[in-house]
């Protein structure tokens, strides 16, 4: 199973590669928030998956 750290790194490097030059001002802030939102989404998804797996395992007992 691919770790979420690898997924987050892949998403992060993809977001950085698509930006041609170092952004300035508001664009730089937007870039930071976009990457932060992607990471937040990945870790939120991880938490939801863990809860579902835990609930599934509890039901099987």
PDB file of N, CA and C in Angstrom:
ATOM      1  N   UNK A   1       0.848  -1.186   0.000  1.00  0.00           N
ATOM      2  CA  UNK A   1       0.000   0.000   0.000  1.00  0.00           C
ATOM      3  C   UNK A   1       0.888   1.242   0.000  1.00  0.00           C
ATOM      4  N   UNK A   2       0.590   2.168  -0.871  1.00  0.00           N
ATOM      5  CA  UNK A   2       1.357   3.401  -0.953  1.00  0.00           C
ATOM      6  C   UNK A   2       1.081   4.247   0.273  1.00  0.00           C
ATOM      7  N   UNK A   3       2.146   4.737   0.883  1.00  0.00           N
ATOM      8  CA  UNK A   3       1.943   5.553   2.078  1.00  0.00           C
ATOM      9  C   UNK A   3       1.420   6.928   1.684  1.00  0.00           C
ATOM     10  N   UNK A   4       0.698   7.543   2.599  1.00  0.00           N
ATOM     11  CA  UNK A   4       0.149   8.875   2.321  1.00  0.00           C
ATOM     12  C   UNK A   4       1.256   9.913   2.201  1.00  0.00           C
ATOM     13  N   UNK A   5       2.382   9.666   2.843  1.00  0.00           N
ATOM     14  CA  UNK A   5       3.510  10.597   2.705  1.00  0.00           C
ATOM     15  C   UNK A   5       3.981  10.634   1.252  1.00  0.00           C
ATOM     16  N   UNK A   6       4.063   9.451   0.597  1.00  0.00           N
ATOM     17  CA  UNK A   6       4.467   9.408  -0.810  1.00  0.00           C
ATOM     18  C   UNK A   6       3.439  10.100  -1.699  1.00  0.00           C
ATOM     19  N   UNK A   7       2.159   9.904  -1.399  1.00  0.00           N
ATOM     20  CA  UNK A   7       1.106  10.564  -2.172  1.00  0.00           C
ATOM     21  C   UNK A   7       1.212  12.070  -2.010  1.00  0.00           C
ATOM     22  N   UNK A   8       1.384  12.526  -0.766  1.00  0.00           N
ATOM     23  CA  UNK A   8       1.488  13.965  -0.507  1.00  0.00           C
ATOM     24  C   UNK A   8       2.705  14.551  -1.209  1.00  0.00           C
ATOM     25  N   UNK A   9       3.835  13.845  -1.185  1.00  0.00           N
ATOM     26  CA  UNK A   9       5.033  14.335  -1.861  1.00  0.00           C
ATOM     27  C   UNK A   9       4.818  14.414  -3.370  1.00  0.00           C
ATOM     28  N   UNK A  10       4.140  13.431  -3.931  1.00  0.00           N
ATOM     29  CA  UNK A  10       3.871  13.438  -5.370  1.00  0.00           C
ATOM     30  C   UNK A  10       2.968  14.603  -5.744  1.00  0.00           C
ATOM     31  N   UNK A  11       1.920  14.821  -4.962  1.00  0.00           N
ATOM     32  CA  UNK A  11       1.016  15.941  -5.236  1.00  0.00           C
ATOM     33  C   UNK A  11       1.744  17.266  -5.086  1.00  0.00           C
ATOM     34  N   UNK A  12       2.570  17.375  -4.055  1.00  0.00           N
ATOM     35  CA  UNK A  12       3.299  18.603  -3.786  1.00  0.00           C
ATOM     36  C   UNK A  12       4.273  18.906  -4.917  1.00  0.00           C
ATOM     37  N   UNK A  13       5.028  17.909  -5.370  1.00  0.00           N
ATOM     38  CA  UNK A  13       5.997  18.150  -6.436  1.00  0.00           C
ATOM     39  C   UNK A  13       5.294  18.458  -7.755  1.00  0.00           C
ATOM     40  N   UNK A  14       4.124  17.869  -7.992  1.00  0.00           N
ATOM     41  CA  UNK A  14       3.359  18.162  -9.205  1.00  0.00           C
ATOM     42  C   UNK A  14       2.901  19.611  -9.200  1.00  0.00           C
ATOM     43  N   UNK A  15       2.410  20.076  -8.051  1.00  0.00           N
ATOM     44  CA  UNK A  15       1.937  21.461  -7.946  1.00  0.00           C
ATOM     45  C   UNK A  15       3.080  22.430  -8.184  1.00  0.00           C
ATOM     46  N   UNK A  16       4.269  22.102  -7.677  1.00  0.00           N
ATOM     47  CA  UNK A  16       5.417  22.997  -7.834  1.00  0.00           C
ATOM     48  C   UNK A  16       5.891  23.017  -9.280  1.00  0.00           C
ATOM     49  N   UNK A  17       5.930  21.858  -9.943  1.00  0.00           N
ATOM     50  CA  UNK A  17       6.436  21.793 -11.314  1.00  0.00           C
ATOM     51  C   UNK A  17       5.576  22.572 -12.300  1.00  0.00           C
ATOM     52  N   UNK A  18       4.291  22.706 -12.046  1.00  0.00           N
ATOM     53  CA  UNK A  18       3.409  23.386 -12.990  1.00  0.00           C
ATOM     54  C   UNK A  18       3.567  24.906 -12.941  1.00  0.00           C
ATOM     55  N   UNK A  19       4.259  25.425 -11.949  1.00  0.00           N
ATOM     56  CA  UNK A  19       4.443  26.869 -11.826  1.00  0.00           C
ATOM     57  C   UNK A  19       5.788  27.219 -12.464  1.00  0.00           C
ATOM     58  N   UNK A  20       5.786  28.027 -13.544  1.00  0.00           N
ATOM     59  CA  UNK A  20       6.999  28.260 -14.321  1.00  0.00           C
ATOM     60  C   UNK A  20       8.097  29.034 -13.592  1.00  0.00           C
ATOM     61  N   UNK A  21       7.739  30.021 -12.807  1.00  0.00           N
ATOM     62  CA  UNK A  21       8.740  30.847 -12.133  1.00  0.00           C
ATOM     63  C   UNK A  21       8.311  31.058 -10.689  1.00  0.00           C
ATOM     64  N   UNK A  22       9.205  31.592  -9.905  1.00  0.00           N
ATOM     65  CA  UNK A  22       8.893  31.859  -8.500  1.00  0.00           C
ATOM     66  C   UNK A  22       7.798  32.928  -8.429  1.00  0.00           C
ATOM     67  N   UNK A  23       6.632  32.583  -7.883  1.00  0.00           N
ATOM     68  CA  UNK A  23       5.551  33.564  -7.788  1.00  0.00           C
ATOM     69  C   UNK A  23       5.866  34.636  -6.750  1.00  0.00           C
ATOM     70  N   UNK A  24       5.184  35.763  -6.887  1.00  0.00           N
ATOM     71  CA  UNK A  24       5.408  36.866  -5.954  1.00  0.00           C
ATOM     72  C   UNK A  24       4.075  37.319  -5.382  1.00  0.00           C
ATOM     73  N   UNK A  25       4.130  37.904  -4.206  1.00  0.00           N
ATOM     74  CA  UNK A  25       2.956  38.509  -3.587  1.00  0.00           C
ATOM     75  C   UNK A  25       1.818  37.536  -3.372  1.00  0.00           C
ATOM     76  N   UNK A  26       0.640  37.946  -3.861  1.00  0.00           N
ATOM     77  CA  UNK A  26      -0.576  37.159  -3.664  1.00  0.00           C
ATOM     78  C   UNK A  26      -0.474  35.785  -4.327  1.00  0.00           C
ATOM     79  N   UNK A  27       0.217  35.703  -5.459  1.00  0.00           N
ATOM     80  CA  UNK A  27       0.364  34.414  -6.148  1.00  0.00           C
ATOM     81  C   UNK A  27       1.144  33.427  -5.283  1.00  0.00           C
ATOM     82  N   UNK A  28       2.150  33.920  -4.576  1.00  0.00           N
ATOM     83  CA  UNK A  28       2.942  33.052  -3.703  1.00  0.00           C
ATOM     84  C   UNK A  28       2.090  32.550  -2.542  1.00  0.00           C
ATOM     85  N   UNK A  29       1.274  33.426  -1.984  1.00  0.00           N
ATOM     86  CA  UNK A  29       0.378  33.035  -0.887  1.00  0.00           C
ATOM     87  C   UNK A  29      -0.628  32.007  -1.390  1.00  0.00           C
ATOM     88  N   UNK A  30      -1.185  32.234  -2.591  1.00  0.00           N
ATOM     89  CA  UNK A  30      -2.146  31.292  -3.167  1.00  0.00           C
ATOM     90  C   UNK A  30      -1.501  29.925  -3.377  1.00  0.00           C
ATOM     91  N   UNK A  31      -0.262  29.906  -3.884  1.00  0.00           N
ATOM     92  CA  UNK A  31       0.446  28.644  -4.116  1.00  0.00           C
ATOM     93  C   UNK A  31       0.610  27.892  -2.801  1.00  0.00           C
ATOM     94  N   UNK A  32       0.995  28.601  -1.748  1.00  0.00           N
ATOM     95  CA  UNK A  32       1.170  27.966  -0.438  1.00  0.00           C
ATOM     96  C   UNK A  32      -0.145  27.380   0.052  1.00  0.00           C
ATOM     97  N   UNK A  33      -1.221  28.152  -0.058  1.00  0.00           N
ATOM     98  CA  UNK A  33      -2.517  27.678   0.422  1.00  0.00           C
ATOM     99  C   UNK A  33      -3.026  26.505  -0.408  1.00  0.00           C
ATOM    100  N   UNK A  34      -2.757  26.506  -1.705  1.00  0.00           N
ATOM    101  CA  UNK A  34      -3.188  25.396  -2.555  1.00  0.00           C
ATOM    102  C   UNK A  34      -2.496  24.104  -2.116  1.00  0.00           C
ATOM    103  N   UNK A  35      -1.181  24.180  -1.888  1.00  0.00           N
ATOM    104  CA  UNK A  35      -0.450  22.988  -1.438  1.00  0.00           C
ATOM    105  C   UNK A  35      -0.925  22.555  -0.059  1.00  0.00           C
ATOM    106  N   UNK A  36      -1.168  23.522   0.813  1.00  0.00           N
ATOM    107  CA  UNK A  36      -1.649  23.207   2.159  1.00  0.00           C
ATOM    108  C   UNK A  36      -3.008  22.527   2.083  1.00  0.00           C
ATOM    109  N   UNK A  37      -3.892  23.024   1.210  1.00  0.00           N
ATOM    110  CA  UNK A  37      -5.219  22.420   1.057  1.00  0.00           C
ATOM    111  C   UNK A  37      -5.127  20.997   0.512  1.00  0.00           C
ATOM    112  N   UNK A  38      -4.214  20.760  -0.416  1.00  0.00           N
ATOM    113  CA  UNK A  38      -4.036  19.411  -0.954  1.00  0.00           C
ATOM    114  C   UNK A  38      -3.592  18.466   0.155  1.00  0.00           C
ATOM    115  N   UNK A  39      -2.602  18.897   0.944  1.00  0.00           N
ATOM    116  CA  UNK A  39      -2.117  18.047   2.031  1.00  0.00           C
ATOM    117  C   UNK A  39      -3.211  17.809   3.059  1.00  0.00           C
ATOM    118  N   UNK A  40      -3.971  18.852   3.362  1.00  0.00           N
ATOM    119  CA  UNK A  40      -5.081  18.704   4.315  1.00  0.00           C
ATOM    120  C   UNK A  40      -6.087  17.674   3.792  1.00  0.00           C
ATOM    121  N   UNK A  41      -6.394  17.754   2.496  1.00  0.00           N
ATOM    122  CA  UNK A  41      -7.343  16.804   1.903  1.00  0.00           C
ATOM    123  C   UNK A  41      -6.820  15.375   1.985  1.00  0.00           C
ATOM    124  N   UNK A  42      -5.525  15.198   1.720  1.00  0.00           N
ATOM    125  CA  UNK A  42      -4.931  13.857   1.780  1.00  0.00           C
ATOM    126  C   UNK A  42      -5.025  13.295   3.190  1.00  0.00           C
ATOM    127  N   UNK A  43      -4.680  14.103   4.189  1.00  0.00           N
ATOM    128  CA  UNK A  43      -4.685  13.594   5.557  1.00  0.00           C
ATOM    129  C   UNK A  43      -6.103  13.433   6.100  1.00  0.00           C
ATOM    130  N   UNK A  44      -7.049  14.251   5.626  1.00  0.00           N
ATOM    131  CA  UNK A  44      -8.450  14.056   6.003  1.00  0.00           C
ATOM    132  C   UNK A  44      -8.954  12.734   5.432  1.00  0.00           C
ATOM    133  N   UNK A  45      -8.613  12.470   4.179  1.00  0.00           N
ATOM    134  CA  UNK A  45      -8.995  11.206   3.554  1.00  0.00           C
ATOM    135  C   UNK A  45      -8.378  10.026   4.307  1.00  0.00           C
ATOM    136  N   UNK A  46      -7.108  10.168   4.697  1.00  0.00           N
ATOM    137  CA  UNK A  46      -6.446   9.108   5.464  1.00  0.00           C
ATOM    138  C   UNK A  46      -7.210   8.834   6.752  1.00  0.00           C
ATOM    139  N   UNK A  47      -7.615   9.880   7.454  1.00  0.00           N
ATOM    140  CA  UNK A  47      -8.345   9.709   8.712  1.00  0.00           C
ATOM    141  C   UNK A  47      -9.672   9.004   8.481  1.00  0.00           C
ATOM    142  N   UNK A  48     -10.372   9.390   7.435  1.00  0.00           N
ATOM    143  CA  UNK A  48     -11.662   8.757   7.138  1.00  0.00           C
ATOM    144  C   UNK A  48     -11.491   7.280   6.803  1.00  0.00           C
ATOM    145  N   UNK A  49     -10.450   6.965   6.052  1.00  0.00           N
ATOM    146  CA  UNK A  49     -10.185   5.568   5.706  1.00  0.00           C
ATOM    147  C   UNK A  49      -9.868   4.772   6.964  1.00  0.00           C
ATOM    148  N   UNK A  50      -9.056   5.349   7.851  1.00  0.00           N
ATOM    149  CA  UNK A  50      -8.708   4.648   9.087  1.00  0.00           C
ATOM    150  C   UNK A  50      -9.946   4.385   9.935  1.00  0.00           C
ATOM    151  N   UNK A  51     -10.859   5.352  10.008  1.00  0.00           N
ATOM    152  CA  UNK A  51     -12.093   5.172  10.773  1.00  0.00           C
ATOM    153  C   UNK A  51     -12.929   4.056  10.162  1.00  0.00           C
ATOM    154  N   UNK A  52     -13.041   4.045   8.836  1.00  0.00           N
ATOM    155  CA  UNK A  52     -13.823   3.002   8.164  1.00  0.00           C
ATOM    156  C   UNK A  52     -13.213   1.620   8.379  1.00  0.00           C
ATOM    157  N   UNK A  53     -11.898   1.524   8.303  1.00  0.00           N
ATOM    158  CA  UNK A  53     -11.233   0.237   8.527  1.00  0.00           C
ATOM    159  C   UNK A  53     -11.458  -0.223   9.962  1.00  0.00           C
ATOM    160  N   UNK A  54     -11.326   0.693  10.914  1.00  0.00           N
ATOM    161  CA  UNK A  54     -11.539   0.352  12.322  1.00  0.00           C
ATOM    162  C   UNK A  54     -12.971  -0.129  12.545  1.00  0.00           C
ATOM    163  N   UNK A  55     -13.943   0.586  11.969  1.00  0.00           N
ATOM    164  CA  UNK A  55     -15.352   0.207  12.124  1.00  0.00           C
ATOM    165  C   UNK A  55     -15.607  -1.162  11.490  1.00  0.00           C
ATOM    166  N   UNK A  56     -15.016  -1.405  10.333  1.00  0.00           N
ATOM    167  CA  UNK A  56     -15.182  -2.694   9.653  1.00  0.00           C
ATOM    168  C   UNK A  56     -14.609  -3.831  10.496  1.00  0.00           C
ATOM    169  N   UNK A  57     -13.429  -3.600  11.059  1.00  0.00           N
ATOM    170  CA  UNK A  57     -12.803  -4.638  11.892  1.00  0.00           C
ATOM    171  C   UNK A  57     -13.623  -4.909  13.146  1.00  0.00           C
ATOM    172  N   UNK A  58     -14.205  -3.871  13.729  1.00  0.00           N
ATOM    173  CA  UNK A  58     -15.033  -4.046  14.927  1.00  0.00           C
ATOM    174  C   UNK A  58     -16.296  -4.841  14.604  1.00  0.00           C
ATOM    175  N   UNK A  59     -16.875  -4.619  13.431  1.00  0.00           N
ATOM    176  CA  UNK A  59     -18.085  -5.336  13.025  1.00  0.00           C
ATOM    177  C   UNK A  59     -17.806  -6.819  12.817  1.00  0.00           C
ATOM    178  N   UNK A  60     -16.618  -7.152  12.369  1.00  0.00           N
ATOM    179  CA  UNK A  60     -16.276  -8.548  12.072  1.00  0.00           C
ATOM    180  C   UNK A  60     -16.049  -9.368  13.334  1.00  0.00           C
ATOM    181  N   UNK A  61     -15.832  -8.712  14.462  1.00  0.00           N
ATOM    182  CA  UNK A  61     -15.556  -9.444  15.717  1.00  0.00           C
ATOM    183  C   UNK A  61     -16.796  -9.994  16.321  1.00  0.00           C
TER     184      UNK A  61
END
